[in-house]
Amino acid sequence: MSTIEVLTKEDLFIFKKELLQELEAMFARNKQEEPKRWLKTYEVKKMLGLSSGTLQTMRNKGTLKFSMIGNLAYYDYNEIVALMEKKKLK
């Protein structure tokens, strides 16, 4: 003999609340942080795997634009990505 289960409005409300919590947690895990706009020299070297000398050469030749504030060089993340796209091999 089979039994019949009755769902109440409260059961549906609890289900909805749990489902929303699980979806929010899933989206939070998948949400990626946007990169910082301005990167310091050590961050660019790490990001691109460059030595200090190679990065200095790129600055001297104008290959990679930068801004100086005091003795610190800052690089625009978007320009780095654009440079990488431009130099991408087909």
N, C-alpha and C. Protein backbone atom coordinates (compact mmCIF):
# COMPACT_ATOMS: atom_id res chain seq x y z
N MET A 1 0.83 -1.16 0.00
CA MET A 1 0.00 0.00 0.00
C MET A 1 0.89 1.24 0.00
N SER A 2 0.61 2.19 -0.87
CA SER A 2 1.45 3.39 -0.96
C SER A 2 0.87 4.49 -0.09
N THR A 3 1.79 5.31 0.40
CA THR A 3 1.36 6.43 1.23
C THR A 3 1.43 7.70 0.41
N ILE A 4 0.58 8.61 0.72
CA ILE A 4 0.54 9.90 0.03
C ILE A 4 1.13 10.96 0.96
N GLU A 5 2.09 11.71 0.42
CA GLU A 5 2.67 12.79 1.19
C GLU A 5 2.04 14.10 0.75
N VAL A 6 1.69 14.89 1.70
CA VAL A 6 1.05 16.17 1.41
C VAL A 6 2.06 17.27 1.69
N LEU A 7 2.23 18.14 0.72
CA LEU A 7 3.12 19.28 0.87
C LEU A 7 2.30 20.49 1.29
N THR A 8 2.79 21.16 2.30
CA THR A 8 2.10 22.36 2.76
C THR A 8 2.79 23.59 2.17
N LYS A 9 2.16 24.72 2.33
CA LYS A 9 2.77 25.98 1.88
C LYS A 9 4.08 26.22 2.63
N GLU A 10 4.11 25.85 3.88
CA GLU A 10 5.32 26.02 4.67
C GLU A 10 6.46 25.14 4.13
N ASP A 11 6.14 23.91 3.71
CA ASP A 11 7.14 23.03 3.10
C ASP A 11 7.71 23.66 1.84
N LEU A 12 6.83 24.22 1.02
CA LEU A 12 7.27 24.86 -0.23
C LEU A 12 8.11 26.10 0.07
N PHE A 13 7.72 26.85 1.09
CA PHE A 13 8.49 28.04 1.47
C PHE A 13 9.90 27.65 1.92
N ILE A 14 10.00 26.60 2.73
CA ILE A 14 11.31 26.13 3.20
C ILE A 14 12.15 25.64 2.02
N PHE A 15 11.54 24.91 1.11
CA PHE A 15 12.24 24.44 -0.09
C PHE A 15 12.77 25.61 -0.91
N LYS A 16 11.91 26.61 -1.10
CA LYS A 16 12.32 27.79 -1.87
C LYS A 16 13.50 28.49 -1.19
N LYS A 17 13.44 28.64 0.11
CA LYS A 17 14.50 29.32 0.86
C LYS A 17 15.82 28.55 0.74
N GLU A 18 15.79 27.23 0.88
CA GLU A 18 16.99 26.41 0.75
C GLU A 18 17.55 26.45 -0.66
N LEU A 19 16.66 26.42 -1.65
CA LEU A 19 17.10 26.47 -3.04
C LEU A 19 17.78 27.80 -3.34
N LEU A 20 17.20 28.89 -2.87
CA LEU A 20 17.81 30.21 -3.08
C LEU A 20 19.17 30.31 -2.40
N GLN A 21 19.30 29.76 -1.22
CA GLN A 21 20.59 29.78 -0.52
C GLN A 21 21.65 29.00 -1.29
N GLU A 22 21.27 27.85 -1.82
CA GLU A 22 22.21 27.05 -2.60
C GLU A 22 22.61 27.75 -3.89
N LEU A 23 21.66 28.39 -4.55
CA LEU A 23 21.98 29.12 -5.78
C LEU A 23 22.88 30.31 -5.50
N GLU A 24 22.61 31.04 -4.44
CA GLU A 24 23.46 32.18 -4.07
C GLU A 24 24.88 31.72 -3.77
N ALA A 25 25.01 30.61 -3.05
CA ALA A 25 26.33 30.08 -2.74
C ALA A 25 27.07 29.66 -4.01
N MET A 26 26.34 29.05 -4.94
CA MET A 26 26.95 28.62 -6.19
C MET A 26 27.43 29.82 -7.00
N PHE A 27 26.61 30.87 -7.09
CA PHE A 27 27.02 32.06 -7.83
C PHE A 27 28.18 32.77 -7.15
N ALA A 28 28.19 32.77 -5.83
CA ALA A 28 29.29 33.41 -5.11
C ALA A 28 30.60 32.70 -5.39
N ARG A 29 30.58 31.37 -5.48
CA ARG A 29 31.80 30.61 -5.78
C ARG A 29 32.29 30.89 -7.19
N ASN A 30 31.36 31.08 -8.12
CA ASN A 30 31.73 31.26 -9.52
C ASN A 30 32.05 32.70 -9.88
N LYS A 31 31.69 33.61 -8.99
CA LYS A 31 31.93 35.03 -9.28
C LYS A 31 33.43 35.31 -9.21
N GLN A 32 33.94 35.88 -10.27
CA GLN A 32 35.36 36.20 -10.30
C GLN A 32 35.55 37.67 -9.97
N GLU A 33 36.57 37.94 -9.20
CA GLU A 33 36.88 39.33 -8.91
C GLU A 33 37.51 39.98 -10.13
N GLU A 34 37.17 41.23 -10.33
CA GLU A 34 37.80 41.96 -11.44
C GLU A 34 39.23 42.30 -11.03
N PRO A 35 40.16 42.24 -11.96
CA PRO A 35 41.55 42.57 -11.62
C PRO A 35 41.68 44.05 -11.28
N LYS A 36 42.74 44.34 -10.54
CA LYS A 36 43.02 45.74 -10.22
C LYS A 36 43.32 46.49 -11.50
N ARG A 37 42.98 47.76 -11.55
CA ARG A 37 43.22 48.57 -12.75
C ARG A 37 44.70 48.87 -12.91
N TRP A 38 45.38 49.24 -11.83
CA TRP A 38 46.78 49.62 -11.90
C TRP A 38 47.64 48.61 -11.15
N LEU A 39 48.66 48.11 -11.83
CA LEU A 39 49.54 47.09 -11.27
C LEU A 39 50.94 47.65 -11.06
N LYS A 40 51.57 47.22 -9.98
CA LYS A 40 52.95 47.61 -9.71
C LYS A 40 53.88 46.70 -10.50
N THR A 41 55.15 47.09 -10.55
CA THR A 41 56.14 46.36 -11.33
C THR A 41 56.21 44.89 -10.94
N TYR A 42 56.27 44.61 -9.64
CA TYR A 42 56.40 43.20 -9.23
C TYR A 42 55.18 42.37 -9.65
N GLU A 43 54.00 43.01 -9.70
CA GLU A 43 52.80 42.30 -10.12
C GLU A 43 52.83 41.97 -11.61
N VAL A 44 53.32 42.92 -12.40
CA VAL A 44 53.42 42.70 -13.85
C VAL A 44 54.46 41.63 -14.14
N LYS A 45 55.60 41.68 -13.45
CA LYS A 45 56.64 40.67 -13.64
C LYS A 45 56.10 39.28 -13.33
N LYS A 46 55.35 39.17 -12.24
CA LYS A 46 54.78 37.88 -11.86
C LYS A 46 53.72 37.44 -12.86
N MET A 47 52.87 38.37 -13.27
CA MET A 47 51.77 38.07 -14.19
C MET A 47 52.28 37.57 -15.54
N LEU A 48 53.32 38.22 -16.05
CA LEU A 48 53.83 37.89 -17.38
C LEU A 48 55.06 36.97 -17.34
N GLY A 49 55.58 36.72 -16.15
CA GLY A 49 56.77 35.88 -16.03
C GLY A 49 58.01 36.54 -16.60
N LEU A 50 58.16 37.83 -16.36
CA LEU A 50 59.29 38.59 -16.91
C LEU A 50 60.33 38.88 -15.85
N SER A 51 61.56 39.07 -16.31
CA SER A 51 62.62 39.53 -15.41
C SER A 51 62.55 41.05 -15.32
N SER A 52 63.25 41.59 -14.35
CA SER A 52 63.29 43.05 -14.20
C SER A 52 63.88 43.70 -15.44
N GLY A 53 64.93 43.09 -15.99
CA GLY A 53 65.59 43.65 -17.17
C GLY A 53 64.68 43.66 -18.39
N THR A 54 63.94 42.59 -18.59
CA THR A 54 63.04 42.51 -19.74
C THR A 54 61.94 43.56 -19.62
N LEU A 55 61.39 43.71 -18.42
CA LEU A 55 60.34 44.71 -18.22
C LEU A 55 60.90 46.12 -18.43
N GLN A 56 62.12 46.36 -17.97
CA GLN A 56 62.75 47.67 -18.17
C GLN A 56 62.95 47.93 -19.66
N THR A 57 63.37 46.92 -20.41
CA THR A 57 63.56 47.07 -21.86
C THR A 57 62.23 47.40 -22.54
N MET A 58 61.17 46.74 -22.12
CA MET A 58 59.84 47.01 -22.69
C MET A 58 59.42 48.45 -22.41
N ARG A 59 59.74 48.94 -21.21
CA ARG A 59 59.41 50.34 -20.88
C ARG A 59 60.26 51.29 -21.73
N ASN A 60 61.56 51.00 -21.85
CA ASN A 60 62.46 51.88 -22.60
C ASN A 60 62.07 51.96 -24.07
N LYS A 61 61.65 50.84 -24.65
CA LYS A 61 61.27 50.81 -26.07
C LYS A 61 59.86 51.32 -26.31
N GLY A 62 59.11 51.52 -25.24
CA GLY A 62 57.73 51.98 -25.40
C GLY A 62 56.76 50.86 -25.72
N THR A 63 57.22 49.63 -25.58
CA THR A 63 56.36 48.47 -25.84
C THR A 63 55.22 48.40 -24.83
N LEU A 64 55.52 48.74 -23.59
CA LEU A 64 54.55 48.68 -22.51
C LEU A 64 54.48 50.05 -21.84
N LYS A 65 53.34 50.69 -21.95
CA LYS A 65 53.16 52.01 -21.35
C LYS A 65 53.05 51.89 -19.84
N PHE A 66 53.48 52.94 -19.15
CA PHE A 66 53.44 52.95 -17.69
C PHE A 66 53.32 54.39 -17.20
N SER A 67 52.99 54.52 -15.94
CA SER A 67 52.92 55.82 -15.28
C SER A 67 53.83 55.78 -14.07
N MET A 68 54.53 56.88 -13.85
CA MET A 68 55.43 56.97 -12.69
C MET A 68 54.80 57.89 -11.65
N ILE A 69 54.77 57.42 -10.43
CA ILE A 69 54.38 58.24 -9.30
C ILE A 69 55.49 58.06 -8.28
N GLY A 70 56.23 59.13 -8.09
CA GLY A 70 57.43 59.04 -7.26
C GLY A 70 58.41 58.11 -7.96
N ASN A 71 58.88 57.11 -7.25
CA ASN A 71 59.80 56.13 -7.84
C ASN A 71 59.11 54.83 -8.22
N LEU A 72 57.79 54.83 -8.22
CA LEU A 72 57.05 53.61 -8.52
C LEU A 72 56.42 53.68 -9.90
N ALA A 73 56.58 52.59 -10.66
CA ALA A 73 55.97 52.49 -11.98
C ALA A 73 54.66 51.71 -11.84
N TYR A 74 53.62 52.22 -12.48
CA TYR A 74 52.32 51.56 -12.49
C TYR A 74 51.92 51.27 -13.93
N TYR A 75 51.30 50.11 -14.13
CA TYR A 75 50.91 49.66 -15.46
C TYR A 75 49.41 49.43 -15.48
N ASP A 76 48.78 49.86 -16.56
CA ASP A 76 47.34 49.69 -16.72
C ASP A 76 47.05 48.26 -17.14
N TYR A 77 46.25 47.55 -16.36
CA TYR A 77 45.92 46.15 -16.64
C TYR A 77 45.35 45.99 -18.05
N ASN A 78 44.45 46.90 -18.45
CA ASN A 78 43.82 46.81 -19.76
C ASN A 78 44.83 46.95 -20.90
N GLU A 79 45.84 47.77 -20.70
CA GLU A 79 46.87 47.93 -21.73
C GLU A 79 47.75 46.67 -21.83
N ILE A 80 47.98 46.02 -20.71
CA ILE A 80 48.75 44.78 -20.74
C ILE A 80 47.98 43.72 -21.52
N VAL A 81 46.68 43.61 -21.25
CA VAL A 81 45.84 42.64 -21.96
C VAL A 81 45.80 42.98 -23.45
N ALA A 82 45.67 44.27 -23.78
CA ALA A 82 45.64 44.69 -25.19
C ALA A 82 46.96 44.35 -25.89
N LEU A 83 48.06 44.54 -25.20
CA LEU A 83 49.38 44.22 -25.77
C LEU A 83 49.48 42.71 -26.03
N MET A 84 49.02 41.91 -25.08
CA MET A 84 49.06 40.47 -25.24
C MET A 84 48.19 40.02 -26.42
N GLU A 85 47.02 40.63 -26.56
CA GLU A 85 46.13 40.28 -27.68
C GLU A 85 46.78 40.67 -29.01
N LYS A 86 47.42 41.84 -29.03
CA LYS A 86 48.04 42.34 -30.25
C LYS A 86 49.21 41.43 -30.68
N LYS A 87 49.92 40.89 -29.71
CA LYS A 87 51.09 40.06 -30.00
C LYS A 87 50.74 38.57 -30.12
N LYS A 88 49.47 38.24 -30.00
CA LYS A 88 49.06 36.83 -30.06
C LYS A 88 49.39 36.24 -31.41
N LEU A 89 49.97 35.07 -31.41
CA LEU A 89 50.32 34.40 -32.67
C LEU A 89 49.09 33.69 -33.23
N LYS A 90 48.98 33.75 -34.53
CA LYS A 90 47.81 33.13 -35.19
C LYS A 90 48.11 31.71 -35.57
